[in-house]
PDB file of all heavy atoms in Angstrom:
ATOM      1  N   LYS A   1      99.028  85.365 114.665  1.00  0.00           N
ATOM      2  CA  LYS A   1      99.941  85.360 115.848  1.00  0.00           C
ATOM      3  C   LYS A   1     100.827  84.153 115.832  1.00  0.00           C
ATOM      4  O   LYS A   1     100.425  82.933 115.809  1.00  0.00           O
ATOM      5  CB  LYS A   1      99.038  85.302 117.145  1.00  0.00           C
ATOM      6  CG  LYS A   1      98.118  86.485 117.364  1.00  0.00           C
ATOM      7  CD  LYS A   1      98.916  87.633 117.462  1.00  0.00           C
ATOM      8  CE  LYS A   1      98.075  88.890 117.756  1.00  0.00           C
ATOM      9  NZ  LYS A   1      98.776  90.215 117.748  1.00  0.00           N
ATOM     10  N   LEU A   2     102.147  84.452 115.652  1.00  0.00           N
ATOM     11  CA  LEU A   2     103.004  83.316 115.448  1.00  0.00           C
ATOM     12  C   LEU A   2     103.410  82.584 116.718  1.00  0.00           C
ATOM     13  O   LEU A   2     103.872  81.553 116.739  1.00  0.00           O
ATOM     14  CB  LEU A   2     104.285  83.832 114.785  1.00  0.00           C
ATOM     15  CG  LEU A   2     104.150  84.328 113.316  1.00  0.00           C
ATOM     16  CD1 LEU A   2     105.398  84.746 112.766  1.00  0.00           C
ATOM     17  CD2 LEU A   2     103.390  83.392 112.362  1.00  0.00           C
ATOM     18  N   LEU A   3     103.294  83.374 117.827  1.00  0.00           N
ATOM     19  CA  LEU A   3     103.355  82.777 119.221  1.00  0.00           C
ATOM     20  C   LEU A   3     102.219  83.339 120.072  1.00  0.00           C
ATOM     21  O   LEU A   3     101.634  84.416 119.739  1.00  0.00           O
ATOM     22  CB  LEU A   3     104.795  83.081 119.809  1.00  0.00           C
ATOM     23  CG  LEU A   3     105.932  82.364 119.163  1.00  0.00           C
ATOM     24  CD1 LEU A   3     107.210  82.876 119.723  1.00  0.00           C
ATOM     25  CD2 LEU A   3     105.767  80.863 119.455  1.00  0.00           C
ATOM     26  N   ASN A   4     102.092  82.722 121.232  1.00  0.00           N
ATOM     27  CA  ASN A   4     100.995  83.246 122.111  1.00  0.00           C
ATOM     28  C   ASN A   4     101.526  84.327 123.068  1.00  0.00           C
ATOM     29  O   ASN A   4     100.932  84.477 124.007  1.00  0.00           O
ATOM     30  CB  ASN A   4     100.499  81.970 122.924  1.00  0.00           C
ATOM     31  CG  ASN A   4      99.739  80.970 121.961  1.00  0.00           C
ATOM     32  OD1 ASN A   4      99.197  81.414 120.988  1.00  0.00           O
ATOM     33  ND2 ASN A   4      99.851  79.644 122.357  1.00  0.00           N
ATOM     34  N   ARG A   5     102.659  84.795 122.739  1.00  0.00           N
ATOM     35  CA  ARG A   5     103.226  85.892 123.479  1.00  0.00           C
ATOM     36  C   ARG A   5     103.540  87.064 122.553  1.00  0.00           C
ATOM     37  O   ARG A   5     103.814  86.726 121.426  1.00  0.00           O
ATOM     38  CB  ARG A   5     104.389  85.587 124.316  1.00  0.00           C
ATOM     39  CG  ARG A   5     105.507  84.870 123.525  1.00  0.00           C
ATOM     40  CD  ARG A   5     106.673  84.403 124.450  1.00  0.00           C
ATOM     41  NE  ARG A   5     107.762  83.614 123.757  1.00  0.00           N
ATOM     42  CZ  ARG A   5     107.790  82.379 123.527  1.00  0.00           C
ATOM     43  NH1 ARG A   5     106.833  81.561 124.113  1.00  0.00           N
ATOM     44  NH2 ARG A   5     108.743  81.761 122.925  1.00  0.00           N
ATOM     45  N   PRO A   6     103.385  88.299 122.907  1.00  0.00           N
ATOM     46  CA  PRO A   6     103.626  89.430 121.970  1.00  0.00           C
ATOM     47  C   PRO A   6     104.975  89.606 121.557  1.00  0.00           C
ATOM     48  O   PRO A   6     105.966  89.362 122.315  1.00  0.00           O
ATOM     49  CB  PRO A   6     103.102  90.701 122.860  1.00  0.00           C
ATOM     50  CG  PRO A   6     103.256  90.252 124.243  1.00  0.00           C
ATOM     51  CD  PRO A   6     103.016  88.732 124.232  1.00  0.00           C
ATOM     52  N   ALA A   7     105.243  89.867 120.234  1.00  0.00           N
ATOM     53  CA  ALA A   7     106.469  90.128 119.695  1.00  0.00           C
ATOM     54  C   ALA A   7     106.941  91.516 120.041  1.00  0.00           C
ATOM     55  O   ALA A   7     106.074  92.338 120.389  1.00  0.00           O
ATOM     56  CB  ALA A   7     106.498  89.966 118.216  1.00  0.00           C
ATOM     57  N   PRO A   8     108.175  91.923 120.002  1.00  0.00           N
ATOM     58  CA  PRO A   8     108.649  93.289 120.358  1.00  0.00           C
ATOM     59  C   PRO A   8     108.147  94.145 119.307  1.00  0.00           C
ATOM     60  O   PRO A   8     107.988  93.831 118.138  1.00  0.00           O
ATOM     61  CB  PRO A   8     110.205  93.141 120.399  1.00  0.00           C
ATOM     62  CG  PRO A   8     110.557  91.982 119.690  1.00  0.00           C
ATOM     63  CD  PRO A   8     109.409  90.959 119.887  1.00  0.00           C
ATOM     64  N   THR A   9     107.977  95.517 119.597  1.00  0.00           N
ATOM     65  CA  THR A   9     107.558  96.444 118.609  1.00  0.00           C
ATOM     66  C   THR A   9     108.891  97.167 118.190  1.00  0.00           C
ATOM     67  O   THR A   9     109.548  97.711 118.921  1.00  0.00           O
ATOM     68  CB  THR A   9     106.680  97.422 119.206  1.00  0.00           C
ATOM     69  OG1 THR A   9     105.430  96.873 119.682  1.00  0.00           O
ATOM     70  CG2 THR A   9     106.334  98.569 118.156  1.00  0.00           C
ATOM     71  N   ILE A  10     108.967  97.077 116.763  1.00  0.00           N
ATOM     72  CA  ILE A  10     110.100  97.695 116.286  1.00  0.00           C
ATOM     73  C   ILE A  10     109.752  98.487 114.963  1.00  0.00           C
ATOM     74  O   ILE A  10     108.561  98.304 114.532  1.00  0.00           O
ATOM     75  CB  ILE A  10     111.256  96.655 115.773  1.00  0.00           C
ATOM     76  CG1 ILE A  10     110.738  95.635 114.833  1.00  0.00           C
ATOM     77  CG2 ILE A  10     111.824  95.982 116.975  1.00  0.00           C
ATOM     78  CD1 ILE A  10     111.686  94.670 114.229  1.00  0.00           C
ATOM     79  N   THR A  11     110.652  99.133 114.217  1.00  0.00           N
ATOM     80  CA  THR A  11     110.378  99.736 112.874  1.00  0.00           C
ATOM     81  C   THR A  11     110.433  98.538 111.853  1.00  0.00           C
ATOM     82  O   THR A  11     111.363  97.807 111.815  1.00  0.00           O
ATOM     83  CB  THR A  11     111.299 100.816 112.531  1.00  0.00           C
ATOM     84  OG1 THR A  11     111.294 101.861 113.471  1.00  0.00           O
ATOM     85  CG2 THR A  11     111.001 101.372 111.172  1.00  0.00           C
ATOM     86  N   ILE A  12     109.252  98.395 111.182  1.00  0.00           N
ATOM     87  CA  ILE A  12     109.183  97.279 110.137  1.00  0.00           C
ATOM     88  C   ILE A  12     108.955  98.024 108.768  1.00  0.00           C
ATOM     89  O   ILE A  12     108.494  99.161 108.630  1.00  0.00           O
ATOM     90  CB  ILE A  12     108.209  96.277 110.458  1.00  0.00           C
ATOM     91  CG1 ILE A  12     106.756  96.909 110.458  1.00  0.00           C
ATOM     92  CG2 ILE A  12     108.428  95.625 111.779  1.00  0.00           C
ATOM     93  CD1 ILE A  12     105.642  95.937 110.567  1.00  0.00           C
ATOM     94  N   ASP A  13     109.210  97.121 107.807  1.00  0.00           N
ATOM     95  CA  ASP A  13     108.973  97.707 106.384  1.00  0.00           C
ATOM     96  C   ASP A  13     107.536  97.886 106.082  1.00  0.00           C
ATOM     97  O   ASP A  13     107.173  98.845 105.407  1.00  0.00           O
ATOM     98  CB  ASP A  13     109.453  96.606 105.360  1.00  0.00           C
ATOM     99  CG  ASP A  13     109.360  97.113 103.888  1.00  0.00           C
ATOM    100  OD1 ASP A  13     110.157  97.938 103.455  1.00  0.00           O
ATOM    101  OD2 ASP A  13     108.458  96.607 103.290  1.00  0.00           O
ATOM    102  N   GLY A  14     106.681  97.006 106.510  1.00  0.00           N
ATOM    103  CA  GLY A  14     105.216  97.164 106.431  1.00  0.00           C
ATOM    104  C   GLY A  14     104.532  96.599 105.057  1.00  0.00           C
ATOM    105  O   GLY A  14     103.571  96.158 105.037  1.00  0.00           O
ATOM    106  N   ASP A  15     105.384  96.704 104.006  1.00  0.00           N
ATOM    107  CA  ASP A  15     104.991  96.182 102.763  1.00  0.00           C
ATOM    108  C   ASP A  15     105.891  95.192 102.197  1.00  0.00           C
ATOM    109  O   ASP A  15     106.335  95.206 101.089  1.00  0.00           O
ATOM    110  CB  ASP A  15     104.788  97.303 101.722  1.00  0.00           C
ATOM    111  CG  ASP A  15     104.100  96.885 100.450  1.00  0.00           C
ATOM    112  OD1 ASP A  15     103.429  95.819 100.409  1.00  0.00           O
ATOM    113  OD2 ASP A  15     104.307  97.633  99.440  1.00  0.00           O
ATOM    114  N   MET A  16     106.330  94.224 103.088  1.00  0.00           N
ATOM    115  CA  MET A  16     107.352  93.288 102.771  1.00  0.00           C
ATOM    116  C   MET A  16     106.832  92.245 101.831  1.00  0.00           C
ATOM    117  O   MET A  16     105.829  91.617 101.940  1.00  0.00           O
ATOM    118  CB  MET A  16     107.797  92.604 104.099  1.00  0.00           C
ATOM    119  CG  MET A  16     108.832  91.400 103.890  1.00  0.00           C
ATOM    120  SD  MET A  16     110.173  91.844 103.052  1.00  0.00           S
ATOM    121  CE  MET A  16     110.782  93.500 103.924  1.00  0.00           C
ATOM    122  N   HIS A  17     107.499  92.058 100.664  1.00  0.00           N
ATOM    123  CA  HIS A  17     107.293  90.892  99.734  1.00  0.00           C
ATOM    124  C   HIS A  17     108.484  90.908  98.838  1.00  0.00           C
ATOM    125  O   HIS A  17     109.306  91.835  98.840  1.00  0.00           O
ATOM    126  CB  HIS A  17     105.963  91.140  99.012  1.00  0.00           C
ATOM    127  CG  HIS A  17     105.893  92.403  98.142  1.00  0.00           C
ATOM    128  ND1 HIS A  17     106.518  92.523  96.957  1.00  0.00           N
ATOM    129  CD2 HIS A  17     105.110  93.433  98.369  1.00  0.00           C
ATOM    130  CE1 HIS A  17     106.241  93.707  96.494  1.00  0.00           C
ATOM    131  NE2 HIS A  17     105.312  94.293  97.275  1.00  0.00           N
ATOM    132  N   ILE A  18     108.698  89.766  98.035  1.00  0.00           N
ATOM    133  CA  ILE A  18     109.899  89.589  97.461  1.00  0.00           C
ATOM    134  C   ILE A  18     110.136  90.622  96.290  1.00  0.00           C
ATOM    135  O   ILE A  18     111.409  90.781  95.981  1.00  0.00           O
ATOM    136  CB  ILE A  18     110.013  88.064  96.866  1.00  0.00           C
ATOM    137  CG1 ILE A  18     111.349  87.675  96.595  1.00  0.00           C
ATOM    138  CG2 ILE A  18     108.986  87.965  95.649  1.00  0.00           C
ATOM    139  CD1 ILE A  18     112.358  87.783  97.664  1.00  0.00           C
ATOM    140  N   GLN A  19     109.152  91.162  95.748  1.00  0.00           N
ATOM    141  CA  GLN A  19     109.354  92.243  94.655  1.00  0.00           C
ATOM    142  C   GLN A  19     109.805  93.512  95.280  1.00  0.00           C
ATOM    143  O   GLN A  19     110.051  94.497  94.472  1.00  0.00           O
ATOM    144  CB  GLN A  19     108.190  92.431  93.787  1.00  0.00           C
ATOM    145  CG  GLN A  19     107.900  91.075  92.918  1.00  0.00           C
ATOM    146  CD  GLN A  19     109.005  90.768  91.989  1.00  0.00           C
ATOM    147  OE1 GLN A  19     109.530  89.587  92.130  1.00  0.00           O
ATOM    148  NE2 GLN A  19     109.389  91.715  91.209  1.00  0.00           N
ATOM    149  N   ASN A  20     109.775  93.710  96.571  1.00  0.00           N
ATOM    150  CA  ASN A  20     110.202  94.956  97.122  1.00  0.00           C
ATOM    151  C   ASN A  20     111.682  94.808  97.567  1.00  0.00           C
ATOM    152  O   ASN A  20     112.136  95.450  98.543  1.00  0.00           O
ATOM    153  CB  ASN A  20     109.520  95.283  98.365  1.00  0.00           C
ATOM    154  CG  ASN A  20     108.221  96.285  97.793  1.00  0.00           C
ATOM    155  OD1 ASN A  20     108.274  96.750  96.745  1.00  0.00           O
ATOM    156  ND2 ASN A  20     107.294  96.550  98.778  1.00  0.00           N
ATOM    157  N   PHE A  21     112.432  93.857  96.950  1.00  0.00           N
ATOM    158  CA  PHE A  21     113.819  93.737  97.041  1.00  0.00           C
ATOM    159  C   PHE A  21     114.513  93.981  95.687  1.00  0.00           C
ATOM    160  O   PHE A  21     113.872  93.635  94.671  1.00  0.00           O
ATOM    161  CB  PHE A  21     114.269  92.283  97.513  1.00  0.00           C
ATOM    162  CG  PHE A  21     113.986  91.953  98.931  1.00  0.00           C
ATOM    163  CD1 PHE A  21     112.700  91.606  99.300  1.00  0.00           C
ATOM    164  CD2 PHE A  21     114.941  91.946  99.941  1.00  0.00           C
ATOM    165  CE1 PHE A  21     112.448  91.228 100.599  1.00  0.00           C
ATOM    166  CE2 PHE A  21     114.677  91.651 101.176  1.00  0.00           C
ATOM    167  CZ  PHE A  21     113.439  91.305 101.547  1.00  0.00           C
ATOM    168  N   GLY A  22     115.628  94.601  95.686  1.00  0.00           N
ATOM    169  CA  GLY A  22     116.200  94.860  94.449  1.00  0.00           C
ATOM    170  C   GLY A  22     117.587  95.544  94.709  1.00  0.00           C
ATOM    171  O   GLY A  22     118.092  95.662  95.801  1.00  0.00           O
ATOM    172  N   THR A  23     118.323  95.837  93.552  1.00  0.00           N
ATOM    173  CA  THR A  23     119.594  96.483  93.703  1.00  0.00           C
ATOM    174  C   THR A  23     119.492  97.975  93.756  1.00  0.00           C
ATOM    175  O   THR A  23     118.585  98.573  93.322  1.00  0.00           O
ATOM    176  CB  THR A  23     120.539  96.157  92.407  1.00  0.00           C
ATOM    177  OG1 THR A  23     119.837  96.413  91.234  1.00  0.00           O
ATOM    178  CG2 THR A  23     120.844  94.632  92.516  1.00  0.00           C
ATOM    179  N   PHE A  24     120.333  98.572  94.511  1.00  0.00           N
ATOM    180  CA  PHE A  24     120.537 100.055  94.551  1.00  0.00           C
ATOM    181  C   PHE A  24     122.010 100.397  94.847  1.00  0.00           C
ATOM    182  O   PHE A  24     122.900  99.523  95.101  1.00  0.00           O
ATOM    183  CB  PHE A  24     119.560 100.663  95.624  1.00  0.00           C
ATOM    184  CG  PHE A  24     119.768  99.916  96.908  1.00  0.00           C
ATOM    185  CD1 PHE A  24     120.681 100.455  97.930  1.00  0.00           C
ATOM    186  CD2 PHE A  24     118.959  98.776  97.358  1.00  0.00           C
ATOM    187  CE1 PHE A  24     120.860  99.874  99.200  1.00  0.00           C
ATOM    188  CE2 PHE A  24     119.100  98.255  98.538  1.00  0.00           C
ATOM    189  CZ  PHE A  24     120.058  98.717  99.548  1.00  0.00           C
ATOM    190  N   ARG A  25     122.353 101.617  94.814  1.00  0.00           N
ATOM    191  CA  ARG A  25     123.797 102.077  95.110  1.00  0.00           C
ATOM    192  C   ARG A  25     123.974 102.050  96.517  1.00  0.00           C
ATOM    193  O   ARG A  25     123.240 102.762  97.321  1.00  0.00           O
ATOM    194  CB  ARG A  25     123.864 103.481  94.457  1.00  0.00           C
ATOM    195  CG  ARG A  25     125.424 103.898  94.674  1.00  0.00           C
ATOM    196  CD  ARG A  25     125.631 105.328  94.070  1.00  0.00           C
ATOM    197  NE  ARG A  25     124.947 105.546  92.899  1.00  0.00           N
ATOM    198  CZ  ARG A  25     124.200 106.666  92.649  1.00  0.00           C
ATOM    199  NH1 ARG A  25     124.001 107.525  93.518  1.00  0.00           N
ATOM    200  NH2 ARG A  25     123.570 106.691  91.467  1.00  0.00           N
ATOM    201  N   GLY A  26     124.961 101.361  97.116  1.00  0.00           N
ATOM    202  CA  GLY A  26     125.278 101.232  98.405  1.00  0.00           C
ATOM    203  C   GLY A  26     126.144 102.300  98.995  1.00  0.00           C
ATOM    204  O   GLY A  26     126.521 103.155  98.148  1.00  0.00           O
ATOM    205  N   PRO A  27     126.528 102.251 100.214  1.00  0.00           N
ATOM    206  CA  PRO A  27     127.307 103.426 100.741  1.00  0.00           C
ATOM    207  C   PRO A  27     128.742 103.563 100.250  1.00  0.00           C
ATOM    208  O   PRO A  27     129.173 104.697 100.233  1.00  0.00           O
ATOM    209  CB  PRO A  27     127.547 102.912 102.285  1.00  0.00           C
ATOM    210  CG  PRO A  27     126.508 101.919 102.535  1.00  0.00           C
ATOM    211  CD  PRO A  27     126.136 101.225 101.144  1.00  0.00           C
ATOM    212  N   ASP A  28     129.293 102.467  99.621  1.00  0.00           N
ATOM    213  CA  ASP A  28     130.525 102.717  98.950  1.00  0.00           C
ATOM    214  C   ASP A  28     130.429 103.079  97.473  1.00  0.00           C
ATOM    215  O   ASP A  28     131.449 103.086  96.703  1.00  0.00           O
ATOM    216  CB  ASP A  28     131.409 101.501  99.154  1.00  0.00           C
ATOM    217  CG  ASP A  28     130.922 100.276  98.444  1.00  0.00           C
ATOM    218  OD1 ASP A  28     129.750 100.344  97.880  1.00  0.00           O
ATOM    219  OD2 ASP A  28     131.459  99.201  98.503  1.00  0.00           O
ATOM    220  N   GLY A  29     129.243 103.288  97.014  1.00  0.00           N
ATOM    221  CA  GLY A  29     128.928 103.705  95.490  1.00  0.00           C
ATOM    222  C   GLY A  29     128.867 102.539  94.713  1.00  0.00           C
ATOM    223  O   GLY A  29     128.623 102.650  93.426  1.00  0.00           O
ATOM    224  N   LYS A  30     128.884 101.252  95.163  1.00  0.00           N
ATOM    225  CA  LYS A  30     128.732 100.118  94.358  1.00  0.00           C
ATOM    226  C   LYS A  30     127.269  99.529  94.586  1.00  0.00           C
ATOM    227  O   LYS A  30     126.751  99.689  95.583  1.00  0.00           O
ATOM    228  CB  LYS A  30     129.770  99.143  94.715  1.00  0.00           C
ATOM    229  CG  LYS A  30     131.197  99.499  94.375  1.00  0.00           C
ATOM    230  CD  LYS A  30     132.163  98.372  94.854  1.00  0.00           C
ATOM    231  CE  LYS A  30     133.554  98.887  94.555  1.00  0.00           C
ATOM    232  NZ  LYS A  30     134.590  97.913  95.096  1.00  0.00           N
ATOM    233  N   ALA A  31     126.869  98.741  93.597  1.00  0.00           N
ATOM    234  CA  ALA A  31     125.484  98.112  93.665  1.00  0.00           C
ATOM    235  C   ALA A  31     125.430  97.138  94.828  1.00  0.00           C
ATOM    236  O   ALA A  31     126.367  96.366  94.979  1.00  0.00           O
ATOM    237  CB  ALA A  31     125.091  97.517  92.366  1.00  0.00           C
ATOM    238  N   VAL A  32     124.399  97.136  95.519  1.00  0.00           N
ATOM    239  CA  VAL A  32     124.071  96.145  96.528  1.00  0.00           C
ATOM    240  C   VAL A  32     122.608  95.705  96.330  1.00  0.00           C
ATOM    241  O   VAL A  32     121.840  96.219  95.627  1.00  0.00           O
ATOM    242  CB  VAL A  32     124.368  96.584  97.936  1.00  0.00           C
ATOM    243  CG1 VAL A  32     125.688  96.943  98.257  1.00  0.00           C
ATOM    244  CG2 VAL A  32     123.437  97.880  98.278  1.00  0.00           C
ATOM    245  N   TRP A  33     122.157  94.579  97.024  1.00  0.00           N
ATOM    246  CA  TRP A  33     120.872  94.059  96.984  1.00  0.00           C
ATOM    247  C   TRP A  33     120.204  94.093  98.332  1.00  0.00           C
ATOM    248  O   TRP A  33     120.781  93.649  99.309  1.00  0.00           O
ATOM    249  CB  TRP A  33     120.864  92.676  96.414  1.00  0.00           C
ATOM    250  CG  TRP A  33     119.531  92.031  96.144  1.00  0.00           C
ATOM    251  CD1 TRP A  33     118.761  92.169  95.019  1.00  0.00           C
ATOM    252  CD2 TRP A  33     118.765  91.087  96.907  1.00  0.00           C
ATOM    253  NE1 TRP A  33     117.617  91.513  95.090  1.00  0.00           N
ATOM    254  CE2 TRP A  33     117.600  90.731  96.271  1.00  0.00           C
ATOM    255  CE3 TRP A  33     119.093  90.597  98.226  1.00  0.00           C
ATOM    256  CZ2 TRP A  33     116.706  89.891  96.731  1.00  0.00           C
ATOM    257  CZ3 TRP A  33     118.167  89.719  98.772  1.00  0.00           C
ATOM    258  CH2 TRP A  33     117.059  89.389  97.995  1.00  0.00           C
ATOM    259  N   GLY A  34     119.007  94.569  98.399  1.00  0.00           N
ATOM    260  CA  GLY A  34     118.236  94.540  99.720  1.00  0.00           C
ATOM    261  C   GLY A  34     116.887  95.108  99.548  1.00  0.00           C
ATOM    262  O   GLY A  34     116.289  95.177  98.454  1.00  0.00           O
ATOM    263  N   MET A  35     116.200  95.569 100.672  1.00  0.00           N
ATOM    264  CA  MET A  35     114.935  96.135 100.636  1.00  0.00           C
ATOM    265  C   MET A  35     115.012  97.543  99.964  1.00  0.00           C
ATOM    266  O   MET A  35     115.955  98.239 100.373  1.00  0.00           O
ATOM    267  CB  MET A  35     114.406  96.334 102.012  1.00  0.00           C
ATOM    268  CG  MET A  35     114.041  94.928 102.712  1.00  0.00           C
ATOM    269  SD  MET A  35     114.211  95.075 104.525  1.00  0.00           S
ATOM    270  CE  MET A  35     113.095  96.338 104.891  1.00  0.00           C
ATOM    271  N   ASN A  36     114.146  97.714  98.935  1.00  0.00           N
ATOM    272  CA  ASN A  36     114.276  99.081  98.281  1.00  0.00           C
ATOM    273  C   ASN A  36     112.966  99.859  98.242  1.00  0.00           C
ATOM    274  O   ASN A  36     112.771 100.745  97.552  1.00  0.00           O
ATOM    275  CB  ASN A  36     114.725  98.887  96.873  1.00  0.00           C
ATOM    276  CG  ASN A  36     113.745  97.971  96.109  1.00  0.00           C
ATOM    277  OD1 ASN A  36     112.694  97.680  96.516  1.00  0.00           O
ATOM    278  ND2 ASN A  36     114.169  97.742  94.821  1.00  0.00           N
ATOM    279  N   ASP A  37     111.967  99.574  99.137  1.00  0.00           N
ATOM    280  CA  ASP A  37     110.730 100.264  99.192  1.00  0.00           C
ATOM    281  C   ASP A  37     110.325 100.311 100.594  1.00  0.00           C
ATOM    282  O   ASP A  37     110.006  99.350 101.284  1.00  0.00           O
ATOM    283  CB  ASP A  37     109.587  99.619  98.304  1.00  0.00           C
ATOM    284  CG  ASP A  37     108.392 100.549  98.125  1.00  0.00           C
ATOM    285  OD1 ASP A  37     108.033 101.243  99.170  1.00  0.00           O
ATOM    286  OD2 ASP A  37     107.918 100.576  97.120  1.00  0.00           O
ATOM    287  N   PHE A  38     110.169 101.566 101.192  1.00  0.00           N
ATOM    288  CA  PHE A  38     109.908 101.784 102.653  1.00  0.00           C
ATOM    289  C   PHE A  38     108.752 102.590 102.826  1.00  0.00           C
ATOM    290  O   PHE A  38     108.493 103.197 103.912  1.00  0.00           O
ATOM    291  CB  PHE A  38     111.181 102.486 103.344  1.00  0.00           C
ATOM    292  CG  PHE A  38     112.446 101.668 103.195  1.00  0.00           C
ATOM    293  CD1 PHE A  38     113.249 101.803 102.134  1.00  0.00           C
ATOM    294  CD2 PHE A  38     112.761 100.628 104.051  1.00  0.00           C
ATOM    295  CE1 PHE A  38     114.433 101.078 101.949  1.00  0.00           C
ATOM    296  CE2 PHE A  38     113.840  99.899 103.982  1.00  0.00           C
ATOM    297  CZ  PHE A  38     114.727 100.103 102.879  1.00  0.00           C
ATOM    298  N   ASP A  39     107.945 102.847 101.745  1.00  0.00           N
ATOM    299  CA  ASP A  39     106.754 103.726 101.821  1.00  0.00           C
ATOM    300  C   ASP A  39     105.775 103.435 102.875  1.00  0.00           C
ATOM    301  O   ASP A  39     105.095 104.301 103.482  1.00  0.00           O
ATOM    302  CB  ASP A  39     106.037 103.745 100.560  1.00  0.00           C
ATOM    303  CG  ASP A  39     106.853 104.415  99.430  1.00  0.00           C
ATOM    304  OD1 ASP A  39     108.047 104.687  99.622  1.00  0.00           O
ATOM    305  OD2 ASP A  39     106.318 104.542  98.270  1.00  0.00           O
ATOM    306  N   GLN A  40     105.501 102.081 103.220  1.00  0.00           N
ATOM    307  CA  GLN A  40     104.554 101.711 104.206  1.00  0.00           C
ATOM    308  C   GLN A  40     105.184 101.440 105.617  1.00  0.00           C
ATOM    309  O   GLN A  40     104.448 100.974 106.410  1.00  0.00           O
ATOM    310  CB  GLN A  40     103.854 100.460 103.762  1.00  0.00           C
ATOM    311  CG  GLN A  40     103.262 100.574 102.335  1.00  0.00           C
ATOM    312  CD  GLN A  40     102.138 101.525 102.193  1.00  0.00           C
ATOM    313  OE1 GLN A  40     101.248 101.272 102.883  1.00  0.00           O
ATOM    314  NE2 GLN A  40     102.235 102.567 101.282  1.00  0.00           N
ATOM    315  N   SER A  41     106.391 101.887 105.765  1.00  0.00           N
ATOM    316  CA  SER A  41     107.065 101.492 107.063  1.00  0.00           C
ATOM    317  C   SER A  41     106.591 102.283 108.296  1.00  0.00           C
ATOM    318  O   SER A  41     106.005 103.425 108.136  1.00  0.00           O
ATOM    319  CB  SER A  41     108.548 101.798 106.916  1.00  0.00           C
ATOM    320  OG  SER A  41     108.821 103.134 106.586  1.00  0.00           O
ATOM    321  N   ALA A  42     106.581 101.598 109.429  1.00  0.00           N
ATOM    322  CA  ALA A  42     106.121 102.224 110.665  1.00  0.00           C
ATOM    323  C   ALA A  42     106.503 101.274 111.820  1.00  0.00           C
ATOM    324  O   ALA A  42     107.034 100.194 111.597  1.00  0.00           O
ATOM    325  CB  ALA A  42     104.588 102.483 110.726  1.00  0.00           C
TER     326      ALA A  42
END
């Protein structure tokens, strides 16, 4: 618990770590870098 009050509930990645970042094709067709694995999201 990072604070003694509850955090908001949102959609999270769930399996966040630095190796789940990488390059992929972005909306304009060019390579971008970001989160690339969402299998454990909820």
